[in-house]
N, C-alpha and C. Protein backbone atom coordinates (compact mmCIF):
# COMPACT_ATOMS: atom_id res chain seq x y z
N MET A 1 -1.02 -19.23 15.40
CA MET A 1 -1.05 -18.60 14.09
C MET A 1 0.42 -18.79 13.44
N LYS A 2 0.58 -19.56 12.36
CA LYS A 2 1.75 -19.90 11.75
C LYS A 2 2.33 -18.64 10.84
N ASN A 3 3.64 -18.37 10.82
CA ASN A 3 4.02 -17.32 9.93
C ASN A 3 3.32 -15.87 10.00
N VAL A 4 3.09 -15.54 11.18
CA VAL A 4 2.35 -14.18 11.34
C VAL A 4 3.25 -13.32 12.19
N ASP A 5 3.46 -12.09 11.55
CA ASP A 5 4.56 -11.21 12.44
C ASP A 5 3.57 -10.60 13.45
N LYS A 6 3.93 -10.76 14.73
CA LYS A 6 3.31 -10.14 15.89
C LYS A 6 3.45 -8.68 15.98
N ARG A 7 4.42 -8.13 15.47
CA ARG A 7 4.75 -6.74 15.45
C ARG A 7 4.53 -6.14 13.93
N PHE A 8 4.14 -5.02 13.86
CA PHE A 8 3.97 -4.28 12.50
C PHE A 8 5.35 -3.61 12.23
N ASP A 9 6.16 -4.41 11.64
CA ASP A 9 7.53 -4.07 11.22
C ASP A 9 7.53 -3.36 9.90
N LEU A 10 7.55 -2.03 9.93
CA LEU A 10 7.32 -1.30 8.54
C LEU A 10 8.63 -1.48 7.57
N LYS A 11 9.83 -1.72 8.29
CA LYS A 11 11.11 -1.61 7.46
C LYS A 11 11.03 -2.81 6.56
N LYS A 12 10.50 -3.98 6.89
CA LYS A 12 10.24 -4.98 5.80
C LYS A 12 9.57 -4.54 4.65
N TYR A 13 8.55 -3.72 4.73
CA TYR A 13 7.56 -3.37 3.53
C TYR A 13 7.80 -1.82 3.22
N THR A 14 8.94 -1.07 3.50
CA THR A 14 9.07 0.34 3.25
C THR A 14 9.72 0.32 1.91
N LEU A 15 9.14 1.33 1.04
CA LEU A 15 9.50 1.46 -0.31
C LEU A 15 10.09 3.01 -0.50
N ARG A 16 11.05 3.11 -1.19
CA ARG A 16 11.44 4.52 -1.49
C ARG A 16 10.54 5.00 -2.64
N SER A 17 9.91 6.23 -2.40
CA SER A 17 9.03 6.68 -3.50
C SER A 17 9.20 7.95 -3.83
N LYS A 18 9.28 8.45 -4.99
CA LYS A 18 9.59 9.77 -5.47
C LYS A 18 8.26 10.50 -5.88
N ILE A 19 7.82 11.61 -5.27
CA ILE A 19 6.70 12.42 -5.41
C ILE A 19 6.69 13.05 -6.83
N ILE A 20 5.82 12.57 -7.74
CA ILE A 20 5.73 13.19 -8.91
C ILE A 20 4.90 14.38 -9.10
N GLU A 21 3.71 14.18 -8.61
CA GLU A 21 2.63 15.00 -8.62
C GLU A 21 1.86 15.09 -7.22
N LEU A 22 1.54 16.35 -6.57
CA LEU A 22 0.66 16.38 -5.54
C LEU A 22 -0.75 17.09 -5.73
N PHE A 23 -1.73 16.49 -5.44
CA PHE A 23 -3.10 17.20 -5.55
C PHE A 23 -3.74 17.48 -4.18
N ASN A 24 -4.30 18.55 -3.99
CA ASN A 24 -4.92 18.80 -2.77
C ASN A 24 -6.19 18.44 -2.79
N VAL A 25 -6.92 18.40 -3.93
CA VAL A 25 -8.29 18.00 -4.03
C VAL A 25 -8.26 16.42 -4.09
N GLY A 26 -8.98 16.01 -2.79
CA GLY A 26 -8.95 14.40 -2.59
C GLY A 26 -7.74 13.75 -1.92
N ASP A 27 -6.99 14.73 -1.51
CA ASP A 27 -5.77 14.31 -0.65
C ASP A 27 -5.07 13.17 -1.46
N ASN A 28 -4.41 13.46 -2.61
CA ASN A 28 -3.75 12.26 -3.37
C ASN A 28 -2.65 12.77 -4.10
N ALA A 29 -1.93 11.75 -4.62
CA ALA A 29 -0.50 11.99 -5.12
C ALA A 29 -0.22 10.93 -6.23
N ILE A 30 0.64 11.44 -7.03
CA ILE A 30 1.28 10.27 -7.97
C ILE A 30 2.62 10.16 -7.58
N PHE A 31 3.07 8.81 -7.44
CA PHE A 31 4.37 8.49 -6.90
C PHE A 31 4.97 7.50 -7.88
N GLN A 32 6.17 7.55 -8.01
CA GLN A 32 7.08 6.54 -8.59
C GLN A 32 7.75 5.68 -7.77
N ILE A 33 7.53 4.46 -7.95
CA ILE A 33 8.19 3.36 -6.95
C ILE A 33 8.71 2.40 -8.12
N ASN A 34 10.04 2.24 -8.16
CA ASN A 34 10.72 1.48 -9.08
C ASN A 34 10.04 1.64 -10.45
N LYS A 35 9.49 0.79 -11.10
CA LYS A 35 8.99 1.04 -12.52
C LYS A 35 7.45 1.33 -12.39
N TYR A 36 6.89 1.61 -11.33
CA TYR A 36 5.49 1.74 -11.12
C TYR A 36 5.18 3.26 -10.91
N ARG A 37 4.27 3.79 -11.76
CA ARG A 37 3.73 5.05 -11.46
C ARG A 37 2.29 4.95 -10.83
N LEU A 38 2.20 5.30 -9.45
CA LEU A 38 0.92 4.92 -8.78
C LEU A 38 0.26 6.22 -8.34
N HIS A 39 -1.16 6.26 -8.56
CA HIS A 39 -1.90 7.37 -8.11
C HIS A 39 -2.53 6.80 -6.79
N CYS A 40 -2.13 7.43 -5.67
CA CYS A 40 -2.54 6.81 -4.35
C CYS A 40 -3.24 7.87 -3.60
N PHE A 41 -4.17 7.32 -2.74
CA PHE A 41 -4.86 8.07 -1.82
C PHE A 41 -3.95 8.34 -0.49
N ILE A 42 -3.89 9.46 0.00
CA ILE A 42 -3.11 9.73 1.27
C ILE A 42 -4.05 10.10 2.45
N PRO A 43 -4.46 9.02 3.32
CA PRO A 43 -5.32 9.13 4.33
C PRO A 43 -4.95 10.11 5.39
N ASN A 44 -3.57 10.42 5.59
CA ASN A 44 -3.18 11.31 6.58
C ASN A 44 -2.60 12.61 5.88
N PHE A 45 -3.07 13.02 4.86
CA PHE A 45 -2.55 14.16 4.05
C PHE A 45 -2.11 15.22 5.00
N THR A 46 -2.98 15.73 5.91
CA THR A 46 -2.43 16.94 6.74
C THR A 46 -1.41 16.67 7.78
N ASN A 47 -1.49 15.52 8.27
CA ASN A 47 -0.34 14.95 9.35
C ASN A 47 0.78 14.82 8.76
N TYR A 48 1.00 14.64 7.43
CA TYR A 48 2.36 14.39 6.88
C TYR A 48 3.04 15.75 6.47
N GLY A 49 2.23 16.90 6.75
CA GLY A 49 2.72 18.17 6.09
C GLY A 49 2.61 18.43 4.85
N PHE A 50 1.73 17.59 4.08
CA PHE A 50 1.48 17.84 2.72
C PHE A 50 0.57 18.90 2.50
N ALA A 51 -0.40 19.06 3.33
CA ALA A 51 -1.47 20.11 3.23
C ALA A 51 -0.87 21.46 3.38
N GLU A 52 0.20 21.50 4.36
CA GLU A 52 0.79 22.91 4.56
C GLU A 52 1.57 23.09 3.43
N SER A 53 2.30 22.19 2.76
CA SER A 53 3.06 22.34 1.53
C SER A 53 2.17 22.78 0.51
N TRP A 54 1.07 22.20 0.35
CA TRP A 54 0.18 22.63 -0.61
C TRP A 54 -0.41 24.26 -0.44
N ASP A 55 -0.71 24.41 0.74
CA ASP A 55 -1.17 25.82 0.88
C ASP A 55 -0.05 26.80 0.66
N LYS A 56 1.16 26.55 1.06
CA LYS A 56 2.32 27.58 0.90
C LYS A 56 2.73 27.69 -0.41
N TYR A 57 2.96 26.25 -0.90
CA TYR A 57 3.72 26.33 -2.23
C TYR A 57 3.05 25.63 -3.48
N GLY A 58 1.66 25.25 -3.30
CA GLY A 58 1.21 24.47 -4.36
C GLY A 58 1.62 23.15 -4.54
N GLY A 59 2.47 22.76 -3.52
CA GLY A 59 3.03 21.33 -3.60
C GLY A 59 4.47 21.17 -4.43
N SER A 60 4.85 22.52 -4.87
CA SER A 60 5.98 22.58 -5.72
C SER A 60 7.35 22.31 -4.96
N ASN A 61 7.21 22.62 -3.64
CA ASN A 61 8.44 22.37 -2.82
C ASN A 61 8.75 20.86 -2.47
N ILE A 62 7.76 20.08 -2.67
CA ILE A 62 8.15 18.57 -2.47
C ILE A 62 8.05 17.82 -3.59
N LYS A 63 7.58 18.30 -4.73
CA LYS A 63 7.58 17.62 -6.10
C LYS A 63 9.12 17.07 -6.37
N GLY A 64 9.29 15.91 -6.76
CA GLY A 64 10.63 15.23 -6.84
C GLY A 64 11.32 14.70 -5.66
N LYS A 65 10.73 15.00 -4.39
CA LYS A 65 11.32 14.48 -3.38
C LYS A 65 11.12 12.91 -3.29
N THR A 66 12.18 12.24 -2.46
CA THR A 66 11.95 10.98 -2.30
C THR A 66 11.64 10.68 -0.80
N ILE A 67 10.65 9.91 -0.51
CA ILE A 67 10.19 9.58 0.80
C ILE A 67 10.06 8.16 0.89
N LYS A 68 9.97 7.84 2.35
CA LYS A 68 9.76 6.49 2.58
C LYS A 68 8.25 6.14 2.71
N VAL A 69 7.72 5.08 2.16
CA VAL A 69 6.34 4.95 2.21
C VAL A 69 6.04 3.30 2.32
N TYR A 70 4.79 2.99 2.78
CA TYR A 70 4.27 1.52 2.58
C TYR A 70 2.93 1.88 2.02
N LEU A 71 2.37 0.76 1.23
CA LEU A 71 1.14 0.93 0.59
C LEU A 71 0.13 -0.15 0.98
N GLN A 72 -0.92 0.25 0.95
CA GLN A 72 -1.99 -0.76 1.50
C GLN A 72 -3.26 -0.52 0.54
N LEU A 73 -3.71 -1.77 0.18
CA LEU A 73 -4.78 -2.00 -0.60
C LEU A 73 -5.96 -2.34 0.20
N SER A 74 -7.10 -1.35 0.18
CA SER A 74 -8.31 -1.72 0.99
C SER A 74 -9.29 -2.29 0.08
N VAL A 75 -9.68 -3.66 0.22
CA VAL A 75 -10.42 -4.39 -0.67
C VAL A 75 -11.74 -4.75 -0.09
N THR A 76 -12.68 -5.14 -0.82
CA THR A 76 -13.98 -5.87 -0.40
C THR A 76 -14.04 -7.35 -0.67
N ASN A 77 -13.10 -7.89 -1.39
CA ASN A 77 -13.01 -9.29 -1.91
C ASN A 77 -11.57 -9.71 -2.14
N LEU A 78 -11.32 -10.90 -2.16
CA LEU A 78 -9.89 -11.43 -2.27
C LEU A 78 -10.25 -12.78 -2.87
N GLU A 79 -9.56 -13.00 -3.99
CA GLU A 79 -9.97 -14.38 -4.64
C GLU A 79 -8.48 -15.20 -4.69
N LEU A 80 -8.56 -16.35 -4.28
CA LEU A 80 -7.50 -17.25 -4.45
C LEU A 80 -7.29 -17.79 -5.95
N ILE A 81 -6.22 -17.61 -6.55
CA ILE A 81 -6.15 -18.01 -8.02
C ILE A 81 -4.89 -19.01 -8.16
N LYS A 82 -4.79 -19.48 -9.47
CA LYS A 82 -3.66 -20.30 -9.71
C LYS A 82 -2.70 -19.71 -10.70
N SER A 83 -2.26 -18.54 -10.44
CA SER A 83 -1.43 -17.82 -11.39
C SER A 83 0.02 -17.67 -10.71
N SER A 84 0.93 -17.44 -11.53
CA SER A 84 2.27 -17.35 -10.88
C SER A 84 2.88 -16.00 -11.57
N ASN A 85 1.87 -15.14 -12.03
CA ASN A 85 2.37 -13.89 -12.69
C ASN A 85 1.99 -12.69 -11.95
N GLN A 86 3.03 -11.99 -11.25
CA GLN A 86 2.69 -10.80 -10.48
C GLN A 86 2.25 -9.61 -11.38
N LYS A 87 1.31 -8.94 -10.80
CA LYS A 87 0.81 -7.67 -11.77
C LYS A 87 0.20 -6.78 -10.65
N LEU A 88 0.28 -5.55 -11.14
CA LEU A 88 -0.06 -4.36 -10.36
C LEU A 88 -0.45 -3.41 -11.50
N THR A 89 -1.88 -3.12 -11.66
CA THR A 89 -2.57 -2.46 -12.74
C THR A 89 -3.46 -1.40 -12.11
N LYS A 90 -3.30 -0.26 -12.65
CA LYS A 90 -4.26 0.86 -12.35
C LYS A 90 -5.75 0.61 -13.06
N LEU A 91 -6.65 0.79 -12.31
CA LEU A 91 -8.03 0.41 -12.87
C LEU A 91 -8.67 1.91 -13.22
N SER A 92 -8.80 2.69 -12.18
CA SER A 92 -9.19 4.21 -12.41
C SER A 92 -8.96 4.93 -11.01
N GLY A 93 -8.72 6.11 -11.17
CA GLY A 93 -8.50 6.89 -9.91
C GLY A 93 -7.55 6.24 -8.98
N PHE A 94 -7.82 6.02 -7.67
CA PHE A 94 -6.93 5.24 -6.78
C PHE A 94 -7.16 3.84 -6.70
N ARG A 95 -7.95 3.27 -7.67
CA ARG A 95 -8.23 1.89 -7.75
C ARG A 95 -7.27 1.19 -8.64
N HIS A 96 -6.70 0.02 -7.90
CA HIS A 96 -5.69 -0.73 -8.58
C HIS A 96 -6.06 -2.21 -8.46
N GLN A 97 -5.61 -3.03 -9.49
CA GLN A 97 -5.63 -4.51 -9.44
C GLN A 97 -4.37 -4.97 -9.09
N VAL A 98 -4.37 -6.17 -7.91
CA VAL A 98 -3.18 -6.58 -7.60
C VAL A 98 -3.46 -8.36 -7.84
N VAL A 99 -2.46 -8.84 -8.39
CA VAL A 99 -2.22 -10.30 -8.53
C VAL A 99 -0.74 -10.57 -8.00
N GLY A 100 -0.84 -11.49 -7.08
CA GLY A 100 0.56 -11.59 -6.42
C GLY A 100 0.40 -12.82 -5.43
N LYS A 101 1.65 -13.10 -4.82
CA LYS A 101 1.87 -14.06 -3.94
C LYS A 101 1.79 -13.55 -2.49
N ILE A 102 1.27 -14.23 -1.56
CA ILE A 102 1.24 -13.85 -0.29
C ILE A 102 2.58 -14.19 0.25
N ILE A 103 3.45 -13.22 0.85
CA ILE A 103 4.56 -13.35 1.35
C ILE A 103 4.75 -13.16 2.90
N GLY A 104 3.65 -12.71 3.52
CA GLY A 104 3.53 -12.56 4.79
C GLY A 104 2.19 -12.10 5.39
N LYS A 105 2.03 -12.28 6.77
CA LYS A 105 0.83 -11.95 7.29
C LYS A 105 1.17 -11.00 8.67
N LEU A 106 0.27 -10.07 8.77
CA LEU A 106 0.57 -9.06 9.89
C LEU A 106 -0.72 -9.28 10.84
N ASN A 107 -0.45 -9.10 12.12
CA ASN A 107 -1.59 -9.16 13.04
C ASN A 107 -1.09 -7.76 13.91
N ILE A 108 -1.94 -6.85 13.80
CA ILE A 108 -1.29 -5.69 14.43
C ILE A 108 -2.36 -5.16 15.48
N GLY A 109 -2.94 -6.21 16.10
CA GLY A 109 -4.04 -5.98 17.26
C GLY A 109 -5.46 -5.87 16.81
N ALA A 110 -5.71 -5.86 15.58
CA ALA A 110 -7.18 -5.91 14.96
C ALA A 110 -7.55 -7.40 15.13
N PRO A 111 -8.79 -7.63 15.07
CA PRO A 111 -9.24 -8.92 14.95
C PRO A 111 -8.91 -9.61 13.82
N ASP A 112 -8.61 -9.00 12.65
CA ASP A 112 -8.30 -9.64 11.38
C ASP A 112 -6.83 -9.42 11.06
N GLU A 113 -6.23 -10.32 10.14
CA GLU A 113 -4.96 -10.27 9.79
C GLU A 113 -4.82 -9.39 8.41
N LYS A 114 -3.73 -8.76 8.26
CA LYS A 114 -3.45 -8.09 7.07
C LYS A 114 -2.48 -9.02 6.25
N LEU A 115 -2.55 -9.00 5.00
CA LEU A 115 -1.64 -9.98 4.14
C LEU A 115 -0.72 -9.10 3.45
N ILE A 116 0.51 -9.52 3.34
CA ILE A 116 1.51 -8.96 2.66
C ILE A 116 1.54 -9.78 1.15
N VAL A 117 1.34 -8.89 0.11
CA VAL A 117 1.16 -9.53 -1.18
C VAL A 117 2.38 -8.83 -2.05
N LYS A 118 3.08 -9.77 -2.64
CA LYS A 118 4.19 -9.18 -3.65
C LYS A 118 3.72 -9.35 -5.09
N CYS A 119 3.48 -8.20 -5.56
CA CYS A 119 3.00 -8.04 -6.96
C CYS A 119 3.87 -7.30 -7.71
N GLY A 120 5.07 -7.47 -7.65
CA GLY A 120 6.11 -6.53 -8.28
C GLY A 120 6.80 -5.75 -7.06
N ILE A 121 5.96 -5.29 -6.18
CA ILE A 121 6.50 -4.61 -4.92
C ILE A 121 5.48 -5.09 -3.83
N PRO A 122 6.00 -5.07 -2.56
CA PRO A 122 5.04 -5.50 -1.47
C PRO A 122 3.97 -4.55 -1.03
N ILE A 123 2.77 -4.90 -1.16
CA ILE A 123 1.63 -4.25 -0.80
C ILE A 123 0.94 -4.96 0.42
N ILE A 124 0.50 -4.24 1.26
CA ILE A 124 -0.27 -4.74 2.44
C ILE A 124 -1.69 -4.78 1.96
N ILE A 125 -2.30 -5.78 2.07
CA ILE A 125 -3.78 -5.99 1.67
C ILE A 125 -4.68 -6.20 3.05
N ASN A 126 -5.69 -5.30 3.15
CA ASN A 126 -6.56 -5.20 4.28
C ASN A 126 -7.80 -5.96 3.77
N PRO A 127 -7.84 -7.26 4.04
CA PRO A 127 -9.18 -7.99 3.46
C PRO A 127 -10.27 -7.82 4.47
N PRO A 128 -11.49 -7.90 4.08
CA PRO A 128 -12.76 -8.01 4.83
C PRO A 128 -12.51 -9.05 5.94
N ASN A 129 -13.00 -8.81 7.28
CA ASN A 129 -12.94 -9.68 8.35
C ASN A 129 -13.98 -10.88 8.06
N LYS A 130 -13.55 -11.84 7.16
CA LYS A 130 -14.38 -12.94 6.86
C LYS A 130 -13.63 -14.32 7.16
N PRO A 131 -14.15 -15.37 7.58
CA PRO A 131 -13.39 -16.48 7.95
C PRO A 131 -12.65 -17.02 6.73
N GLU A 132 -13.33 -17.10 5.56
CA GLU A 132 -12.58 -17.69 4.46
C GLU A 132 -11.41 -17.08 4.19
N TYR A 133 -11.05 -15.69 4.42
CA TYR A 133 -9.65 -15.14 4.17
C TYR A 133 -8.61 -15.51 5.23
N LYS A 134 -9.19 -15.97 6.42
CA LYS A 134 -8.02 -16.43 7.35
C LYS A 134 -7.41 -17.66 6.95
N LYS A 135 -7.96 -18.55 6.09
CA LYS A 135 -7.39 -19.72 5.69
C LYS A 135 -6.36 -19.62 4.60
N TYR A 136 -6.18 -18.36 4.08
CA TYR A 136 -5.23 -18.15 2.99
C TYR A 136 -3.84 -18.13 3.78
N GLU A 137 -2.97 -18.71 3.11
CA GLU A 137 -1.55 -19.09 3.74
C GLU A 137 -0.49 -18.30 2.75
N ILE A 138 0.85 -18.10 3.53
CA ILE A 138 1.86 -17.75 2.81
C ILE A 138 2.17 -18.69 1.74
N GLY A 139 2.43 -18.08 0.47
CA GLY A 139 2.73 -18.94 -0.81
C GLY A 139 1.50 -19.06 -1.62
N ASP A 140 0.16 -18.58 -1.14
CA ASP A 140 -0.94 -18.64 -1.90
C ASP A 140 -0.87 -17.64 -2.81
N TRP A 141 -1.57 -17.61 -4.15
CA TRP A 141 -1.75 -16.65 -5.07
C TRP A 141 -2.88 -15.92 -4.91
N VAL A 142 -3.18 -14.67 -4.81
CA VAL A 142 -4.43 -14.08 -4.78
C VAL A 142 -4.54 -12.97 -5.91
N GLU A 143 -5.89 -12.49 -6.03
CA GLU A 143 -6.06 -11.48 -6.99
C GLU A 143 -7.12 -10.42 -6.22
N SER A 144 -6.99 -9.27 -6.19
CA SER A 144 -7.93 -8.29 -5.82
C SER A 144 -7.89 -6.97 -6.34
N ALA A 145 -8.80 -6.11 -6.10
CA ALA A 145 -8.84 -4.76 -6.47
C ALA A 145 -9.28 -3.96 -5.45
N GLY A 146 -8.90 -2.69 -5.42
CA GLY A 146 -9.28 -1.79 -4.38
C GLY A 146 -8.68 -0.37 -4.33
N ARG A 147 -8.84 0.39 -3.21
CA ARG A 147 -8.17 1.65 -3.27
C ARG A 147 -6.75 1.56 -2.48
N LEU A 148 -5.78 2.20 -3.40
CA LEU A 148 -4.41 2.13 -2.97
C LEU A 148 -4.00 3.19 -2.12
N ASP A 149 -3.75 3.11 -0.85
CA ASP A 149 -3.34 3.98 0.07
C ASP A 149 -1.96 4.12 0.27
N MET A 150 -1.43 5.38 0.32
CA MET A 150 0.09 5.50 0.55
C MET A 150 0.18 6.13 2.02
N TYR A 151 1.08 5.40 2.75
CA TYR A 151 1.38 6.00 4.16
C TYR A 151 2.90 6.29 4.39
N LYS A 152 3.16 7.69 4.79
CA LYS A 152 4.49 7.99 4.87
C LYS A 152 5.02 7.37 6.02
N VAL A 153 6.20 6.83 6.00
CA VAL A 153 6.96 6.20 7.15
C VAL A 153 7.78 7.22 7.73
N GLU A 154 7.71 7.55 9.00
CA GLU A 154 8.31 8.58 9.66
C GLU A 154 9.76 8.17 10.04
N ASN A 155 10.64 8.93 9.88
CA ASN A 155 12.14 8.72 10.03
C ASN A 155 12.25 8.42 11.68
N ARG A 156 12.77 7.38 12.01
CA ARG A 156 13.12 7.24 13.36
C ARG A 156 14.57 6.67 13.60
N GLY A 157 15.41 7.48 12.98
CA GLY A 157 16.93 6.93 13.01
C GLY A 157 17.09 5.92 12.33
N ASP A 158 16.29 5.37 11.44
CA ASP A 158 16.66 4.14 10.49
C ASP A 158 17.38 4.47 9.16
């Protein structure tokens, strides 16, 4: 496997994100990352302490805080395209459309690879485990849409 990170190195893809709004219903929040205002699903809402914050303070104690995160787009399809314009667009709810260039691949022990796509910011795309997606290479341009998940990066002295 050429150009595949064997380790899941979060530092490369970590983004500083400001919490704009936190919602307990549906475990989600709105984040500001650079120029992007993103409505994301938070798979580990309780584990990150967000649920406790919500229960005690209605989320007000963490609004405006900046945290380190990485973003992952869960998709059902991925198209190879001939564009060179990066784009990240909200469709509805947590669903976003991504148009970007593959800048890396991750193999974290699962049978499928995850793709790192630069669409203004780096987003990890988790494509379906289908043979046609394994042929995509670094430098290819892709388009996809799916649920945008936010994962908090725990501080480990970095």
